[in-house]
Protein backbone atom coordinates (compact mmCIF):
# COMPACT_ATOMS: atom_id res chain seq x y z
CA UNK A 1 8.45 -6.14 26.98
CA UNK A 2 6.26 -4.66 24.85
CA UNK A 3 4.77 -6.55 21.81
CA UNK A 4 3.14 -5.07 18.64
CA UNK A 5 0.68 -6.80 16.23
CA UNK A 6 3.65 -7.10 13.64
CA UNK A 7 5.74 -8.95 16.18
CA UNK A 8 3.12 -11.44 16.98
CA UNK A 9 2.28 -12.03 13.25
CA UNK A 10 5.39 -12.76 11.85
CA UNK A 11 6.25 -15.93 14.20
CA UNK A 12 2.79 -17.41 13.23
CA UNK A 13 3.55 -16.93 9.61
CA UNK A 14 7.03 -18.55 10.01
CA UNK A 15 5.46 -21.67 12.50
CA UNK A 16 2.92 -22.17 9.58
CA UNK A 17 5.42 -22.15 6.80
CA UNK A 18 7.70 -24.79 8.45
CA UNK A 19 4.60 -27.24 9.36
CA UNK A 20 3.61 -27.02 5.83
CA UNK A 21 6.97 -27.85 4.89
CA UNK A 22 7.06 -30.86 6.85
CA UNK A 23 3.55 -31.99 5.38
CA UNK A 24 3.57 -34.94 2.87
CA UNK A 25 0.61 -35.38 0.19
CA UNK A 26 -0.83 -38.79 0.79
CA UNK A 27 -1.25 -41.09 -2.20
CA UNK A 28 0.29 -43.98 -4.32
CA UNK A 29 3.34 -41.91 -5.39
CA UNK A 30 5.57 -40.04 -2.92
CA UNK A 31 5.25 -36.26 -2.85
CA UNK A 32 8.31 -33.87 -2.00
CA UNK A 33 7.91 -31.69 0.97
CA UNK A 34 6.46 -28.16 0.18
CA UNK A 35 8.89 -25.47 0.72
CA UNK A 36 8.27 -21.75 1.62
CA UNK A 37 9.49 -20.75 -1.68
CA UNK A 38 7.07 -23.06 -3.52
CA UNK A 39 4.31 -21.49 -1.45
CA UNK A 40 5.45 -18.02 -2.39
CA UNK A 41 5.70 -18.86 -5.94
CA UNK A 42 2.30 -20.49 -5.81
CA UNK A 43 0.60 -17.56 -4.49
CA UNK A 44 2.62 -15.19 -7.11
CA UNK A 45 1.26 -17.29 -10.09
CA UNK A 46 -2.32 -16.90 -8.44
CA UNK A 47 -1.82 -13.17 -8.22
CA UNK A 48 -0.81 -12.67 -11.75
CA UNK A 49 -3.63 -14.69 -13.26
CA UNK A 50 -6.10 -12.58 -11.15
CA UNK A 51 -4.83 -9.40 -12.34
CA UNK A 52 -5.00 -10.57 -15.87
CA UNK A 53 -8.42 -12.01 -15.80
CA UNK A 54 -9.89 -8.81 -14.04
CA UNK A 55 -10.04 -5.71 -15.99
CA UNK A 56 -8.77 -2.61 -14.40
CA UNK A 57 -11.07 -0.46 -12.54
CA UNK A 58 -11.56 3.48 -12.38
CA UNK A 59 -11.26 5.34 -8.98
CA UNK A 60 -15.19 5.31 -9.09
CA UNK A 61 -15.20 1.50 -9.09
CA UNK A 62 -16.43 0.92 -12.67
CA UNK A 63 -14.46 -1.31 -15.10
CA UNK A 64 -12.36 0.50 -17.61
CA UNK A 65 -11.28 -0.88 -21.09
CA UNK A 66 -7.97 -0.34 -22.49
CA UNK A 67 -7.59 2.22 -25.30
CA UNK A 68 -7.26 0.78 -28.77
CA UNK A 69 -3.56 0.72 -30.33
CA UNK A 70 -2.95 3.04 -33.19
CA UNK A 71 -2.42 1.23 -36.57
CA UNK A 72 1.37 1.51 -37.68
CA UNK A 73 -0.46 2.33 -41.50
CA UNK A 74 -1.34 5.86 -40.21
CA UNK A 75 2.02 7.05 -40.48
CA UNK A 76 3.64 4.55 -42.79
CA UNK A 77 0.84 4.65 -45.51
CA UNK A 78 0.48 1.58 -47.90
CA UNK A 79 0.30 1.72 -51.78
CA UNK A 80 -3.27 2.14 -53.06
CA UNK A 81 -4.77 2.35 -56.52
CA UNK A 82 -8.36 3.45 -56.74
CA UNK A 83 -10.63 3.24 -59.91
CA UNK A 84 -13.85 5.52 -59.77
CA UNK A 85 -15.93 5.31 -62.78
CA UNK A 86 -19.17 7.56 -62.66
CA UNK A 87 -22.19 8.34 -64.64
CA UNK A 88 -22.46 12.05 -65.06
CA UNK A 89 -25.61 13.68 -65.85
CA UNK A 90 -24.35 17.18 -67.53
CA UNK A 91 -25.45 19.94 -69.81
CA UNK A 92 -23.52 22.67 -71.61
CA UNK A 93 -23.55 26.41 -70.68
CA UNK A 94 -21.62 28.80 -72.76
CA UNK A 95 -21.28 31.42 -75.62
CA UNK A 96 -19.58 30.88 -78.94
CA UNK A 97 -18.72 32.75 -82.08
CA UNK A 98 -17.16 31.85 -85.59
CA UNK A 99 -16.11 34.95 -87.40
CA UNK A 100 -19.24 36.63 -86.24
CA UNK A 101 -22.01 37.20 -83.62
CA UNK A 102 -21.86 35.73 -80.43
CA UNK A 103 -24.43 33.03 -79.79
CA UNK A 104 -25.72 31.48 -76.39
CA UNK A 105 -25.04 27.80 -77.14
CA UNK A 106 -27.58 26.43 -74.38
CA UNK A 107 -30.35 29.03 -75.51
CA UNK A 108 -30.08 30.47 -78.86
CA UNK A 109 -28.72 27.27 -80.46
CA UNK A 110 -31.13 24.94 -78.17
CA UNK A 111 -28.30 22.76 -76.79
CA UNK A 112 -29.61 22.77 -73.46
CA UNK A 113 -30.39 19.16 -72.92
CA UNK A 114 -28.93 17.04 -70.02
CA UNK A 115 -26.92 13.91 -71.31
CA UNK A 116 -25.87 10.95 -69.31
CA UNK A 117 -21.90 10.50 -70.18
CA UNK A 118 -18.96 9.11 -68.77
CA UNK A 119 -16.37 10.81 -66.06
CA UNK A 120 -13.72 8.56 -64.77
CA UNK A 121 -10.65 8.74 -62.28
CA UNK A 122 -7.85 6.46 -61.72
CA UNK A 123 -5.95 7.25 -58.71
CA UNK A 124 -2.67 6.06 -57.05
CA UNK A 125 -1.68 6.99 -53.47
CA UNK A 126 1.52 6.17 -51.48
CA UNK A 127 2.94 7.32 -48.01
CA UNK A 128 0.47 9.50 -46.16
CA UNK A 129 0.76 12.74 -48.08
CA UNK A 130 0.99 11.76 -51.72
CA UNK A 131 -1.35 10.98 -54.52
CA UNK A 132 -1.33 11.24 -58.46
CA UNK A 133 -4.57 11.09 -60.36
CA UNK A 134 -5.57 10.49 -64.24
CA UNK A 135 -9.08 11.93 -64.94
CA UNK A 136 -11.19 12.11 -68.16
CA UNK A 137 -14.53 12.71 -69.42
CA UNK A 138 -16.71 12.81 -72.65
CA UNK A 139 -19.81 14.80 -73.40
CA UNK A 140 -22.06 15.06 -76.47
CA UNK A 141 -25.50 16.72 -77.32
CA UNK A 142 -27.53 17.78 -80.40
CA UNK A 143 -30.86 19.38 -80.89
CA UNK A 144 -33.40 20.67 -83.47
CA UNK A 145 -34.71 24.17 -82.79
CA UNK A 146 -35.92 27.35 -84.06
CA UNK A 147 -33.67 30.39 -84.38
CA UNK A 148 -34.53 32.87 -82.08
CA UNK A 149 -31.59 35.62 -82.92
CA UNK A 150 -30.27 36.84 -86.27
CA UNK A 151 -26.54 36.60 -87.01
CA UNK A 152 -23.77 35.12 -89.09
CA UNK A 153 -22.06 31.82 -87.57
CA UNK A 154 -19.30 31.26 -90.26
CA UNK A 155 -20.95 30.99 -93.55
CA UNK A 156 -24.35 30.24 -91.73
CA UNK A 157 -26.49 33.53 -91.67
CA UNK A 158 -29.44 32.65 -89.43
CA UNK A 159 -32.83 34.65 -89.58
CA UNK A 160 -35.26 34.58 -86.59
CA UNK A 161 -37.46 31.69 -87.24
CA UNK A 162 -35.14 29.38 -89.23
CA UNK A 163 -35.02 25.85 -88.32
CA UNK A 164 -31.45 24.73 -86.93
CA UNK A 165 -29.91 21.34 -86.47
CA UNK A 166 -26.84 21.66 -84.24
CA UNK A 167 -24.57 19.28 -82.26
CA UNK A 168 -21.97 19.74 -79.74
CA UNK A 169 -19.19 17.78 -78.21
CA UNK A 170 -16.57 18.09 -75.60
CA UNK A 171 -13.82 15.92 -74.00
CA UNK A 172 -11.17 16.36 -71.42
CA UNK A 173 -8.33 14.09 -70.11
CA UNK A 174 -5.64 15.13 -67.58
CA UNK A 175 -2.98 14.40 -64.50
CA UNK A 176 -3.19 15.80 -61.18
CA UNK A 177 -0.59 15.44 -58.37
CA UNK A 178 -1.70 16.31 -54.96
CA UNK A 179 0.03 16.78 -51.77
CA UNK A 180 -1.64 16.94 -48.19
CA UNK A 181 0.08 19.93 -46.44
CA UNK A 182 -1.88 19.71 -43.12
CA UNK A 183 -3.75 17.01 -41.21
CA UNK A 184 -4.61 18.38 -37.80
CA UNK A 185 -6.01 15.25 -36.32
CA UNK A 186 -3.13 13.19 -37.44
CA UNK A 187 -0.14 11.51 -35.65
CA UNK A 188 1.99 13.16 -38.43
CA UNK A 189 0.26 16.74 -39.39
CA UNK A 190 2.64 17.72 -42.19
CA UNK A 191 5.11 15.96 -44.56
CA UNK A 192 8.07 17.65 -42.69
CA UNK A 193 6.54 17.22 -39.19
CA UNK A 194 7.47 14.88 -36.34
CA UNK A 195 4.87 11.80 -35.59
CA UNK A 196 2.98 12.10 -32.29
CA UNK A 197 0.38 9.51 -31.81
CA UNK A 198 -3.00 11.35 -31.37
CA UNK A 199 -4.18 8.40 -29.10
CA UNK A 200 -7.75 10.42 -28.66
CA UNK A 201 -8.25 9.99 -32.31
CA UNK A 202 -7.81 6.44 -32.66
CA UNK A 203 -10.69 4.11 -33.71
CA UNK A 204 -11.18 0.22 -32.66
CA UNK A 205 -9.40 -0.97 -35.64
CA UNK A 206 -6.58 1.26 -35.08
CA UNK A 207 -7.09 4.04 -37.85
CA UNK A 208 -8.48 7.53 -37.25
CA UNK A 209 -12.15 8.42 -35.84
CA UNK A 210 -11.84 11.46 -38.23
CA UNK A 211 -9.31 12.52 -40.30
CA UNK A 212 -9.08 16.16 -42.10
CA UNK A 213 -6.81 17.07 -44.86
CA UNK A 214 -6.01 20.39 -46.47
CA UNK A 215 -4.37 19.69 -50.00
CA UNK A 216 -2.50 21.52 -52.71
CA UNK A 217 -2.17 20.10 -56.29
CA UNK A 218 -0.69 20.90 -59.53
CA UNK A 219 -2.49 19.70 -62.85
CA UNK A 220 -2.05 19.47 -66.34
CA UNK A 221 -5.31 19.13 -68.44
CA UNK A 222 -6.12 18.81 -72.35
CA UNK A 223 -9.61 20.31 -73.37
CA UNK A 224 -11.42 19.65 -76.74
CA UNK A 225 -14.57 20.96 -78.11
CA UNK A 226 -16.35 21.13 -81.39
CA UNK A 227 -19.80 22.86 -82.65
CA UNK A 228 -21.70 22.43 -85.86
CA UNK A 229 -24.41 24.52 -86.79
CA UNK A 230 -26.73 23.68 -89.78
CA UNK A 231 -29.37 26.23 -91.05
CA UNK A 232 -31.97 23.74 -92.66
CA UNK A 233 -34.04 26.62 -93.89
CA UNK A 234 -31.28 28.50 -95.77
CA UNK A 235 -29.59 25.08 -96.58
CA UNK A 236 -26.06 26.13 -95.14
CA UNK A 237 -23.92 24.80 -92.41
CA UNK A 238 -20.69 25.35 -90.58
CA UNK A 239 -18.56 24.43 -87.78
CA UNK A 240 -15.47 24.86 -85.65
CA UNK A 241 -13.17 22.47 -83.65
CA UNK A 242 -10.58 23.26 -81.10
CA UNK A 243 -8.42 22.06 -78.45
CA UNK A 244 -5.66 23.08 -75.95
CA UNK A 245 -3.30 21.85 -73.30
CA UNK A 246 -2.94 23.79 -70.36
CA UNK A 247 -1.07 23.48 -66.95
CA UNK A 248 -2.89 24.58 -63.39
CA UNK A 249 -2.71 24.66 -59.79
CA UNK A 250 -5.43 24.29 -57.12
CA UNK A 251 -6.35 23.10 -53.52
CA UNK A 252 -8.94 21.03 -51.81
CA UNK A 253 -10.13 19.76 -48.41
CA UNK A 254 -11.01 16.18 -47.45
CA UNK A 255 -13.01 14.74 -44.37
CA UNK A 256 -12.99 11.12 -43.65
CA UNK A 257 -15.24 9.29 -40.87
CA UNK A 258 -14.40 6.21 -39.63
CA UNK A 259 -17.85 4.45 -38.88
CA UNK A 260 -16.59 0.63 -38.55
CA UNK A 261 -18.66 -0.90 -35.82
CA UNK A 262 -21.14 1.90 -35.50
CA UNK A 263 -23.32 1.98 -38.83
CA UNK A 264 -24.32 -1.54 -40.31
CA UNK A 265 -22.93 -2.13 -43.80
CA UNK A 266 -20.73 1.21 -43.85
CA UNK A 267 -17.18 1.53 -42.83
CA UNK A 268 -16.34 5.00 -43.87
CA UNK A 269 -17.79 7.94 -45.22
CA UNK A 270 -15.52 10.57 -47.15
CA UNK A 271 -16.39 13.94 -47.96
CA UNK A 272 -14.34 16.17 -50.36
CA UNK A 273 -14.43 19.65 -52.16
CA UNK A 274 -11.46 20.37 -54.78
CA UNK A 275 -11.07 23.09 -57.23
CA UNK A 276 -8.43 24.44 -59.49
CA UNK A 277 -7.63 26.95 -62.32
CA UNK A 278 -4.77 27.08 -65.07
CA UNK A 279 -4.18 28.58 -68.44
CA UNK A 280 -1.64 28.38 -71.40
CA UNK A 281 -1.49 32.17 -71.70
CA UNK A 282 -2.50 32.07 -75.29
CA UNK A 283 -5.52 34.12 -76.59
CA UNK A 284 -6.73 34.40 -72.90
CA UNK A 285 -7.49 30.50 -72.83
CA UNK A 286 -8.18 29.02 -69.28
CA UNK A 287 -9.81 26.47 -67.50
CA UNK A 288 -11.51 26.24 -64.09
CA UNK A 289 -12.67 22.92 -62.49
CA UNK A 290 -14.87 21.91 -59.28
CA UNK A 291 -15.65 18.84 -57.94
CA UNK A 292 -17.55 18.04 -54.75
CA UNK A 293 -18.81 14.73 -53.31
CA UNK A 294 -19.94 12.32 -50.82
CA UNK A 295 -18.77 8.65 -50.73
CA UNK A 296 -19.47 5.73 -48.60
CA UNK A 297 -17.21 2.50 -48.40
CA UNK A 298 -19.15 -0.56 -47.32
CA UNK A 299 -15.68 -2.65 -47.47
CA UNK A 300 -12.09 -1.52 -47.53
CA UNK A 301 -12.29 -2.20 -51.16
CA UNK A 302 -15.75 -1.07 -52.51
CA UNK A 303 -18.10 1.85 -52.11
CA UNK A 304 -20.33 4.52 -54.00
CA UNK A 305 -20.13 8.31 -54.70
CA UNK A 306 -22.08 11.05 -55.49
CA UNK A 307 -21.59 14.65 -56.24
CA UNK A 308 -21.02 17.56 -58.61
CA UNK A 309 -18.62 18.47 -61.29
CA UNK A 310 -17.97 21.55 -63.08
CA UNK A 311 -15.56 21.90 -66.24
CA UNK A 312 -15.21 25.25 -67.51
CA UNK A 313 -12.94 26.41 -70.24
CA UNK A 314 -12.27 28.94 -72.98
CA UNK A 315 -10.80 27.92 -76.22
CA UNK A 316 -9.82 30.47 -78.83
CA UNK A 317 -8.18 30.05 -82.35
CA UNK A 318 -8.66 33.58 -83.43
CA UNK A 319 -11.66 32.57 -85.68
CA UNK A 320 -13.92 30.57 -83.36
CA UNK A 321 -14.40 31.26 -79.48
CA UNK A 322 -15.91 28.87 -77.12
CA UNK A 323 -16.41 30.26 -73.54
CA UNK A 324 -18.25 28.10 -70.88
CA UNK A 325 -18.23 24.60 -69.66
CA UNK A 326 -20.10 21.33 -68.94
CA UNK A 327 -21.57 20.63 -65.54
CA UNK A 328 -24.01 18.46 -63.54
CA UNK A 329 -24.27 15.93 -60.81
CA UNK A 330 -23.03 12.36 -60.77
CA UNK A 331 -23.31 8.93 -59.19
CA UNK A 332 -20.56 6.19 -59.32
CA UNK A 333 -18.48 3.58 -57.55
CA UNK A 334 -15.09 3.43 -55.88
CA UNK A 335 -13.12 0.11 -56.35
CA UNK A 336 -9.68 0.27 -54.36
CA UNK A 337 -6.88 -2.09 -54.74
C-alpha cells in the first residue's frame, strides 16, 4: 500500500483533536470537554482578528492604505448662503457729454483718483449645479482741477485754464442666476448626466481633491450715475443724472483645490473668472462686467478673497451720455453659513 503525506497527516490531526476533546481544565470549577467544533471556532476568531489588525499588503510586500470614501454631499449638495463684503479700490475711466463737446472724465475733468468703496455679494447655492447671487456696489469721487480743454458742458462754457470743481458718483445692483454646465472631474459631470464615483479624485475628508466648473449665467443689472461740473472761474455749473435696468448673459470658470491636511491653516483655495454683457436695446445702452479673484478658506465657514472688478456701462438719455466704467482691485472676506 502506498501512503502519501496527506494520508498520514489527516489521522494525526483527528487523533490530536480526540485527545483534546477528552482533556479537562484543572481548577476549582469543572470545565466542559473541548470539542473539535470549539477548536475550529477558536481559530476562526483568531484568523478574523489577525486579518482586521494587519493592513493589506501590495504585491511588493508594502502595506497599503484603503482609499478614502467619497462624501455623499458631492452629489447631493447642501444649501449654503455666502456673504462676501469687500473693500474695492476703484477709479472711473469714461467719456461724457451734455448737449455739447465730449470730455474725458478721468483726464480733462480731473476725476482720476482711486477711492475706497464698497462691493458686496450675497449668494445662495443648492444642489450641486445651481446658485443665485445678489450683488451691489457704490462709488464716489470729486476733484478740483484746471481745464485743459475748451467746450460746453450743458450751460457751462469752459475755457482752457478755468478752475473746475467736479464730482462723479455711480452705483449698481443686480441679481445673477448661474448653472454649472460641466464638471469634468466630478462624480456627476453635468446636471443631466449619471453619477459615477471618481475614486481617484477623492480627498481624505471625502470631498474632491480638485473641482473644475464651467458655468453659464443670466443676469439683471441696474446702473446709476451722476456727474456735476462747476466752472468756478465763470461762475456756472451743470449736471446730469441717469440710470437704466438691463438684462444680460455671461459665463465663468471656477477651480477649487482641497488643501485640508496639506497646508496648515488653509482648507481650500478657489480661483474664479466670470464675465457677462447685456443691453436694454435703448440708445445703445449696454453693460459689461468682469470679475476675477482668488479666495482661501481657513475653515468651512470663513476665508479671505483678493481680485479685480470691472463694471463698464453706457447710459444715454438723448441729452447726456456716459460711456465708461469703474474698475480696480479689491480685498474682502467670505462668510459661509
